[in-house]
């Protein structure tokens, strides 16, 4: 695995978690009864983190430019 793939995967994870935190803060601001559970908060942040991780990995593999076509389409 190249440094580019690791870097984009880590960036995807960070951006996904950041997006999840921003979404949870936004939900807290727009609700009339701000009573959220820690389990729900962890689920939202975890789900967006995993999605960001996957997208970052795929972006890094796609942009790798290797001749191995197992992971990419031509």
PDB file of N, CA and C in Angstrom:
ATOM      1  N   UNK A   1       0.843  -1.164   0.000  1.00  0.00           N
ATOM      2  CA  UNK A   1       0.000   0.000   0.000  1.00  0.00           C
ATOM      3  C   UNK A   1       0.891   1.231   0.000  1.00  0.00           C
ATOM      4  N   UNK A   2       0.550   2.185  -0.800  1.00  0.00           N
ATOM      5  CA  UNK A   2       1.395   3.364  -0.908  1.00  0.00           C
ATOM      6  C   UNK A   2       1.030   4.403   0.147  1.00  0.00           C
ATOM      7  N   UNK A   3       1.893   5.383   0.256  1.00  0.00           N
ATOM      8  CA  UNK A   3       1.667   6.460   1.208  1.00  0.00           C
ATOM      9  C   UNK A   3       0.429   7.256   0.810  1.00  0.00           C
ATOM     10  N   UNK A   4       0.208   7.414  -0.493  1.00  0.00           N
ATOM     11  CA  UNK A   4      -0.960   8.168  -0.956  1.00  0.00           C
ATOM     12  C   UNK A   4      -2.257   7.513  -0.494  1.00  0.00           C
ATOM     13  N   UNK A   5      -2.338   6.198  -0.589  1.00  0.00           N
ATOM     14  CA  UNK A   5      -3.548   5.494  -0.173  1.00  0.00           C
ATOM     15  C   UNK A   5      -3.750   5.639   1.328  1.00  0.00           C
ATOM     16  N   UNK A   6      -2.682   5.508   2.102  1.00  0.00           N
ATOM     17  CA  UNK A   6      -2.797   5.662   3.552  1.00  0.00           C
ATOM     18  C   UNK A   6      -3.197   7.086   3.927  1.00  0.00           C
ATOM     19  N   UNK A   7      -2.640   8.059   3.226  1.00  0.00           N
ATOM     20  CA  UNK A   7      -2.946   9.455   3.508  1.00  0.00           C
ATOM     21  C   UNK A   7      -4.398   9.784   3.186  1.00  0.00           C
ATOM     22  N   UNK A   8      -4.867   9.357   2.021  1.00  0.00           N
ATOM     23  CA  UNK A   8      -6.254   9.645   1.652  1.00  0.00           C
ATOM     24  C   UNK A   8      -7.239   8.876   2.529  1.00  0.00           C
ATOM     25  N   UNK A   9      -6.857   7.685   2.971  1.00  0.00           N
ATOM     26  CA  UNK A   9      -7.719   6.922   3.866  1.00  0.00           C
ATOM     27  C   UNK A   9      -7.848   7.626   5.217  1.00  0.00           C
ATOM     28  N   UNK A  10      -6.732   8.094   5.750  1.00  0.00           N
ATOM     29  CA  UNK A  10      -6.758   8.821   7.025  1.00  0.00           C
ATOM     30  C   UNK A  10      -7.525  10.138   6.890  1.00  0.00           C
ATOM     31  N   UNK A  11      -7.327  10.837   5.783  1.00  0.00           N
ATOM     32  CA  UNK A  11      -8.056  12.085   5.552  1.00  0.00           C
ATOM     33  C   UNK A  11      -9.552  11.819   5.420  1.00  0.00           C
ATOM     34  N   UNK A  12      -9.908  10.746   4.742  1.00  0.00           N
ATOM     35  CA  UNK A  12     -11.322  10.386   4.614  1.00  0.00           C
ATOM     36  C   UNK A  12     -11.948  10.089   5.962  1.00  0.00           C
ATOM     37  N   UNK A  13     -11.230   9.374   6.803  1.00  0.00           N
ATOM     38  CA  UNK A  13     -11.729   9.086   8.142  1.00  0.00           C
ATOM     39  C   UNK A  13     -11.931  10.379   8.935  1.00  0.00           C
ATOM     40  N   UNK A  14     -10.942  11.246   8.898  1.00  0.00           N
ATOM     41  CA  UNK A  14     -11.043  12.515   9.625  1.00  0.00           C
ATOM     42  C   UNK A  14     -12.181  13.390   9.127  1.00  0.00           C
ATOM     43  N   UNK A  15     -12.335  13.469   7.808  1.00  0.00           N
ATOM     44  CA  UNK A  15     -13.412  14.277   7.246  1.00  0.00           C
ATOM     45  C   UNK A  15     -14.777  13.658   7.532  1.00  0.00           C
ATOM     46  N   UNK A  16     -14.852  12.337   7.508  1.00  0.00           N
ATOM     47  CA  UNK A  16     -16.110  11.671   7.827  1.00  0.00           C
ATOM     48  C   UNK A  16     -16.531  11.902   9.269  1.00  0.00           C
ATOM     49  N   UNK A  17     -15.592  11.781  10.190  1.00  0.00           N
ATOM     50  CA  UNK A  17     -15.891  12.030  11.601  1.00  0.00           C
ATOM     51  C   UNK A  17     -16.272  13.499  11.801  1.00  0.00           C
ATOM     52  N   UNK A  18     -15.565  14.393  11.140  1.00  0.00           N
ATOM     53  CA  UNK A  18     -15.898  15.821  11.234  1.00  0.00           C
ATOM     54  C   UNK A  18     -17.296  16.121  10.720  1.00  0.00           C
ATOM     55  N   UNK A  19     -17.659  15.463   9.629  1.00  0.00           N
ATOM     56  CA  UNK A  19     -18.994  15.646   9.071  1.00  0.00           C
ATOM     57  C   UNK A  19     -20.049  15.105  10.036  1.00  0.00           C
ATOM     58  N   UNK A  20     -19.776  13.972  10.658  1.00  0.00           N
ATOM     59  CA  UNK A  20     -20.710  13.406  11.631  1.00  0.00           C
ATOM     60  C   UNK A  20     -20.894  14.308  12.840  1.00  0.00           C
ATOM     61  N   UNK A  21     -19.811  14.895  13.323  1.00  0.00           N
ATOM     62  CA  UNK A  21     -19.898  15.819  14.456  1.00  0.00           C
ATOM     63  C   UNK A  21     -20.698  17.048  14.068  1.00  0.00           C
ATOM     64  N   UNK A  22     -20.432  17.585  12.881  1.00  0.00           N
ATOM     65  CA  UNK A  22     -21.175  18.756  12.409  1.00  0.00           C
ATOM     66  C   UNK A  22     -22.669  18.434  12.255  1.00  0.00           C
ATOM     67  N   UNK A  23     -22.974  17.246  11.755  1.00  0.00           N
ATOM     68  CA  UNK A  23     -24.375  16.849  11.604  1.00  0.00           C
ATOM     69  C   UNK A  23     -25.053  16.736  12.964  1.00  0.00           C
ATOM     70  N   UNK A  24     -24.362  16.179  13.938  1.00  0.00           N
ATOM     71  CA  UNK A  24     -24.950  16.019  15.273  1.00  0.00           C
ATOM     72  C   UNK A  24     -25.142  17.377  15.946  1.00  0.00           C
ATOM     73  N   UNK A  25     -24.215  18.304  15.766  1.00  0.00           N
ATOM     74  CA  UNK A  25     -24.375  19.650  16.322  1.00  0.00           C
ATOM     75  C   UNK A  25     -25.552  20.344  15.659  1.00  0.00           C
ATOM     76  N   UNK A  26     -25.661  20.206  14.344  1.00  0.00           N
ATOM     77  CA  UNK A  26     -26.774  20.820  13.623  1.00  0.00           C
ATOM     78  C   UNK A  26     -28.117  20.256  14.115  1.00  0.00           C
ATOM     79  N   UNK A  27     -28.184  18.932  14.316  1.00  0.00           N
ATOM     80  CA  UNK A  27     -29.414  18.322  14.826  1.00  0.00           C
ATOM     81  C   UNK A  27     -29.761  18.872  16.212  1.00  0.00           C
ATOM     82  N   UNK A  28     -28.749  19.085  16.991  1.00  0.00           N
ATOM     83  CA  UNK A  28     -28.955  19.625  18.344  1.00  0.00           C
ATOM     84  C   UNK A  28     -29.494  21.051  18.297  1.00  0.00           C
ATOM     85  N   UNK A  29     -29.028  21.836  17.319  1.00  0.00           N
ATOM     86  CA  UNK A  29     -29.450  23.233  17.226  1.00  0.00           C
ATOM     87  C   UNK A  29     -30.866  23.395  16.687  1.00  0.00           C
ATOM     88  N   UNK A  30     -31.310  22.516  15.814  1.00  0.00           N
ATOM     89  CA  UNK A  30     -32.615  22.721  15.189  1.00  0.00           C
ATOM     90  C   UNK A  30     -33.766  22.050  15.932  1.00  0.00           C
ATOM     91  N   UNK A  31     -33.481  21.207  16.904  1.00  0.00           N
ATOM     92  CA  UNK A  31     -34.550  20.504  17.592  1.00  0.00           C
ATOM     93  C   UNK A  31     -35.160  21.362  18.694  1.00  0.00           C
ATOM     94  N   UNK A  32     -36.435  21.076  18.990  1.00  0.00           N
ATOM     95  CA  UNK A  32     -37.096  21.794  20.087  1.00  0.00           C
ATOM     96  C   UNK A  32     -36.873  21.087  21.416  1.00  0.00           C
ATOM     97  N   UNK A  33     -36.573  19.782  21.369  1.00  0.00           N
ATOM     98  CA  UNK A  33     -36.284  19.013  22.583  1.00  0.00           C
ATOM     99  C   UNK A  33     -34.926  18.330  22.435  1.00  0.00           C
ATOM    100  N   UNK A  34     -33.856  19.017  22.815  1.00  0.00           N
ATOM    101  CA  UNK A  34     -32.502  18.473  22.592  1.00  0.00           C
ATOM    102  C   UNK A  34     -32.113  17.372  23.577  1.00  0.00           C
ATOM    103  N   UNK A  35     -32.707  16.205  23.425  1.00  0.00           N
ATOM    104  CA  UNK A  35     -32.376  15.064  24.276  1.00  0.00           C
ATOM    105  C   UNK A  35     -31.879  13.926  23.397  1.00  0.00           C
ATOM    106  N   UNK A  36     -30.563  13.800  23.279  1.00  0.00           N
ATOM    107  CA  UNK A  36     -29.971  12.770  22.451  1.00  0.00           C
ATOM    108  C   UNK A  36     -29.209  11.783  23.321  1.00  0.00           C
ATOM    109  N   UNK A  37     -29.137  10.549  22.864  1.00  0.00           N
ATOM    110  CA  UNK A  37     -28.391   9.535  23.603  1.00  0.00           C
ATOM    111  C   UNK A  37     -26.948   9.490  23.107  1.00  0.00           C
ATOM    112  N   UNK A  38     -26.061   9.036  23.976  1.00  0.00           N
ATOM    113  CA  UNK A  38     -24.660   8.874  23.588  1.00  0.00           C
ATOM    114  C   UNK A  38     -24.521   7.752  22.577  1.00  0.00           C
ATOM    115  N   UNK A  39     -25.404   6.753  22.659  1.00  0.00           N
ATOM    116  CA  UNK A  39     -25.356   5.642  21.713  1.00  0.00           C
ATOM    117  C   UNK A  39     -25.674   6.127  20.303  1.00  0.00           C
ATOM    118  N   UNK A  40     -26.705   6.946  20.180  1.00  0.00           N
ATOM    119  CA  UNK A  40     -27.065   7.496  18.871  1.00  0.00           C
ATOM    120  C   UNK A  40     -25.985   8.403  18.315  1.00  0.00           C
ATOM    121  N   UNK A  41     -25.391   9.201  19.185  1.00  0.00           N
ATOM    122  CA  UNK A  41     -24.309  10.080  18.753  1.00  0.00           C
ATOM    123  C   UNK A  41     -23.115   9.278  18.267  1.00  0.00           C
ATOM    124  N   UNK A  42     -22.747   8.243  19.016  1.00  0.00           N
ATOM    125  CA  UNK A  42     -21.624   7.389  18.609  1.00  0.00           C
ATOM    126  C   UNK A  42     -21.928   6.677  17.301  1.00  0.00           C
ATOM    127  N   UNK A  43     -23.171   6.247  17.106  1.00  0.00           N
ATOM    128  CA  UNK A  43     -23.551   5.577  15.868  1.00  0.00           C
ATOM    129  C   UNK A  43     -23.418   6.511  14.674  1.00  0.00           C
ATOM    130  N   UNK A  44     -23.910   7.730  14.793  1.00  0.00           N
ATOM    131  CA  UNK A  44     -23.834   8.685  13.683  1.00  0.00           C
ATOM    132  C   UNK A  44     -22.386   9.023  13.359  1.00  0.00           C
ATOM    133  N   UNK A  45     -21.587   9.299  14.369  1.00  0.00           N
ATOM    134  CA  UNK A  45     -20.179   9.643  14.138  1.00  0.00           C
ATOM    135  C   UNK A  45     -19.414   8.437  13.600  1.00  0.00           C
ATOM    136  N   UNK A  46     -19.703   7.252  14.125  1.00  0.00           N
ATOM    137  CA  UNK A  46     -19.043   6.041  13.647  1.00  0.00           C
ATOM    138  C   UNK A  46     -19.410   5.724  12.202  1.00  0.00           C
ATOM    139  N   UNK A  47     -20.687   5.849  11.867  1.00  0.00           N
ATOM    140  CA  UNK A  47     -21.138   5.559  10.507  1.00  0.00           C
ATOM    141  C   UNK A  47     -20.526   6.520   9.492  1.00  0.00           C
ATOM    142  N   UNK A  48     -20.524   7.799   9.801  1.00  0.00           N
ATOM    143  CA  UNK A  48     -19.920   8.755   8.871  1.00  0.00           C
ATOM    144  C   UNK A  48     -18.404   8.567   8.799  1.00  0.00           C
ATOM    145  N   UNK A  49     -17.795   8.152   9.909  1.00  0.00           N
ATOM    146  CA  UNK A  49     -16.361   7.867   9.890  1.00  0.00           C
ATOM    147  C   UNK A  49     -16.022   6.685   9.001  1.00  0.00           C
ATOM    148  N   UNK A  50     -16.806   5.622   9.083  1.00  0.00           N
ATOM    149  CA  UNK A  50     -16.575   4.442   8.245  1.00  0.00           C
ATOM    150  C   UNK A  50     -16.809   4.778   6.770  1.00  0.00           C
ATOM    151  N   UNK A  51     -17.849   5.540   6.481  1.00  0.00           N
ATOM    152  CA  UNK A  51     -18.101   5.954   5.089  1.00  0.00           C
ATOM    153  C   UNK A  51     -16.954   6.816   4.566  1.00  0.00           C
ATOM    154  N   UNK A  52     -16.477   7.754   5.372  1.00  0.00           N
ATOM    155  CA  UNK A  52     -15.342   8.577   4.967  1.00  0.00           C
ATOM    156  C   UNK A  52     -14.081   7.757   4.784  1.00  0.00           C
ATOM    157  N   UNK A  53     -13.865   6.771   5.646  1.00  0.00           N
ATOM    158  CA  UNK A  53     -12.718   5.883   5.528  1.00  0.00           C
ATOM    159  C   UNK A  53     -12.763   5.123   4.203  1.00  0.00           C
ATOM    160  N   UNK A  54     -13.920   4.566   3.875  1.00  0.00           N
ATOM    161  CA  UNK A  54     -14.065   3.815   2.628  1.00  0.00           C
ATOM    162  C   UNK A  54     -13.874   4.711   1.410  1.00  0.00           C
ATOM    163  N   UNK A  55     -14.470   5.889   1.436  1.00  0.00           N
ATOM    164  CA  UNK A  55     -14.328   6.802   0.303  1.00  0.00           C
ATOM    165  C   UNK A  55     -12.894   7.295   0.149  1.00  0.00           C
ATOM    166  N   UNK A  56     -12.223   7.563   1.260  1.00  0.00           N
ATOM    167  CA  UNK A  56     -10.822   7.972   1.199  1.00  0.00           C
ATOM    168  C   UNK A  56      -9.937   6.878   0.643  1.00  0.00           C
ATOM    169  N   UNK A  57     -10.190   5.636   1.056  1.00  0.00           N
ATOM    170  CA  UNK A  57      -9.426   4.505   0.542  1.00  0.00           C
ATOM    171  C   UNK A  57      -9.642   4.355  -0.961  1.00  0.00           C
ATOM    172  N   UNK A  58     -10.892   4.389  -1.392  1.00  0.00           N
ATOM    173  CA  UNK A  58     -11.182   4.227  -2.818  1.00  0.00           C
ATOM    174  C   UNK A  58     -10.610   5.375  -3.646  1.00  0.00           C
ATOM    175  N   UNK A  59     -10.639   6.577  -3.104  1.00  0.00           N
ATOM    176  CA  UNK A  59     -10.047   7.717  -3.811  1.00  0.00           C
ATOM    177  C   UNK A  59      -8.539   7.526  -3.956  1.00  0.00           C
ATOM    178  N   UNK A  60      -7.896   7.058  -2.904  1.00  0.00           N
ATOM    179  CA  UNK A  60      -6.454   6.835  -2.963  1.00  0.00           C
ATOM    180  C   UNK A  60      -6.076   5.728  -3.920  1.00  0.00           C
ATOM    181  N   UNK A  61      -6.838   4.650  -3.935  1.00  0.00           N
ATOM    182  CA  UNK A  61      -6.555   3.539  -4.848  1.00  0.00           C
ATOM    183  C   UNK A  61      -6.815   3.963  -6.292  1.00  0.00           C
ATOM    184  N   UNK A  62      -7.877   4.676  -6.506  1.00  0.00           N
ATOM    185  CA  UNK A  62      -8.227   5.116  -7.867  1.00  0.00           C
ATOM    186  C   UNK A  62      -7.163   6.073  -8.410  1.00  0.00           C
ATOM    187  N   UNK A  63      -6.662   6.945  -7.587  1.00  0.00           N
ATOM    188  CA  UNK A  63      -5.665   7.911  -8.035  1.00  0.00           C
ATOM    189  C   UNK A  63      -4.237   7.402  -7.974  1.00  0.00           C
ATOM    190  N   UNK A  64      -4.055   6.149  -7.599  1.00  0.00           N
ATOM    191  CA  UNK A  64      -2.720   5.593  -7.437  1.00  0.00           C
ATOM    192  C   UNK A  64      -1.997   5.475  -8.773  1.00  0.00           C
ATOM    193  N   UNK A  65      -2.719   5.174  -9.832  1.00  0.00           N
ATOM    194  CA  UNK A  65      -2.115   5.078 -11.151  1.00  0.00           C
ATOM    195  C   UNK A  65      -1.327   3.813 -11.382  1.00  0.00           C
ATOM    196  N   UNK A  66      -1.561   2.792 -10.566  1.00  0.00           N
ATOM    197  CA  UNK A  66      -0.829   1.547 -10.747  1.00  0.00           C
ATOM    198  C   UNK A  66      -1.382   0.784 -11.945  1.00  0.00           C
ATOM    199  N   UNK A  67      -0.613  -0.149 -12.432  1.00  0.00           N
ATOM    200  CA  UNK A  67      -1.046  -0.947 -13.564  1.00  0.00           C
ATOM    201  C   UNK A  67      -1.910  -2.129 -13.147  1.00  0.00           C
ATOM    202  N   UNK A  68      -2.012  -2.374 -11.848  1.00  0.00           N
ATOM    203  CA  UNK A  68      -2.848  -3.448 -11.349  1.00  0.00           C
ATOM    204  C   UNK A  68      -4.299  -3.030 -11.457  1.00  0.00           C
ATOM    205  N   UNK A  69      -5.061  -3.672 -12.307  1.00  0.00           N
ATOM    206  CA  UNK A  69      -6.448  -3.274 -12.566  1.00  0.00           C
ATOM    207  C   UNK A  69      -7.457  -3.987 -11.664  1.00  0.00           C
ATOM    208  N   UNK A  70      -6.975  -4.679 -10.646  1.00  0.00           N
ATOM    209  CA  UNK A  70      -7.887  -5.343  -9.743  1.00  0.00           C
ATOM    210  C   UNK A  70      -8.772  -4.362  -8.996  1.00  0.00           C
ATOM    211  N   UNK A  71      -8.233  -3.232  -8.596  1.00  0.00           N
ATOM    212  CA  UNK A  71      -8.969  -2.270  -7.785  1.00  0.00           C
ATOM    213  C   UNK A  71      -9.582  -1.146  -8.576  1.00  0.00           C
ATOM    214  N   UNK A  72      -9.135  -0.951  -9.804  1.00  0.00           N
ATOM    215  CA  UNK A  72      -9.621   0.202 -10.558  1.00  0.00           C
ATOM    216  C   UNK A  72     -10.230  -0.240 -11.880  1.00  0.00           C
ATOM    217  N   UNK A  73     -10.972   0.651 -12.444  1.00  0.00           N
ATOM    218  CA  UNK A  73     -11.521   0.425 -13.782  1.00  0.00           C
ATOM    219  C   UNK A  73     -10.734   1.266 -14.772  1.00  0.00           C
ATOM    220  N   UNK A  74     -10.630   0.785 -15.986  1.00  0.00           N
ATOM    221  CA  UNK A  74      -9.921   1.584 -16.981  1.00  0.00           C
ATOM    222  C   UNK A  74     -10.876   2.404 -17.805  1.00  0.00           C
TER     223      UNK A  74
END
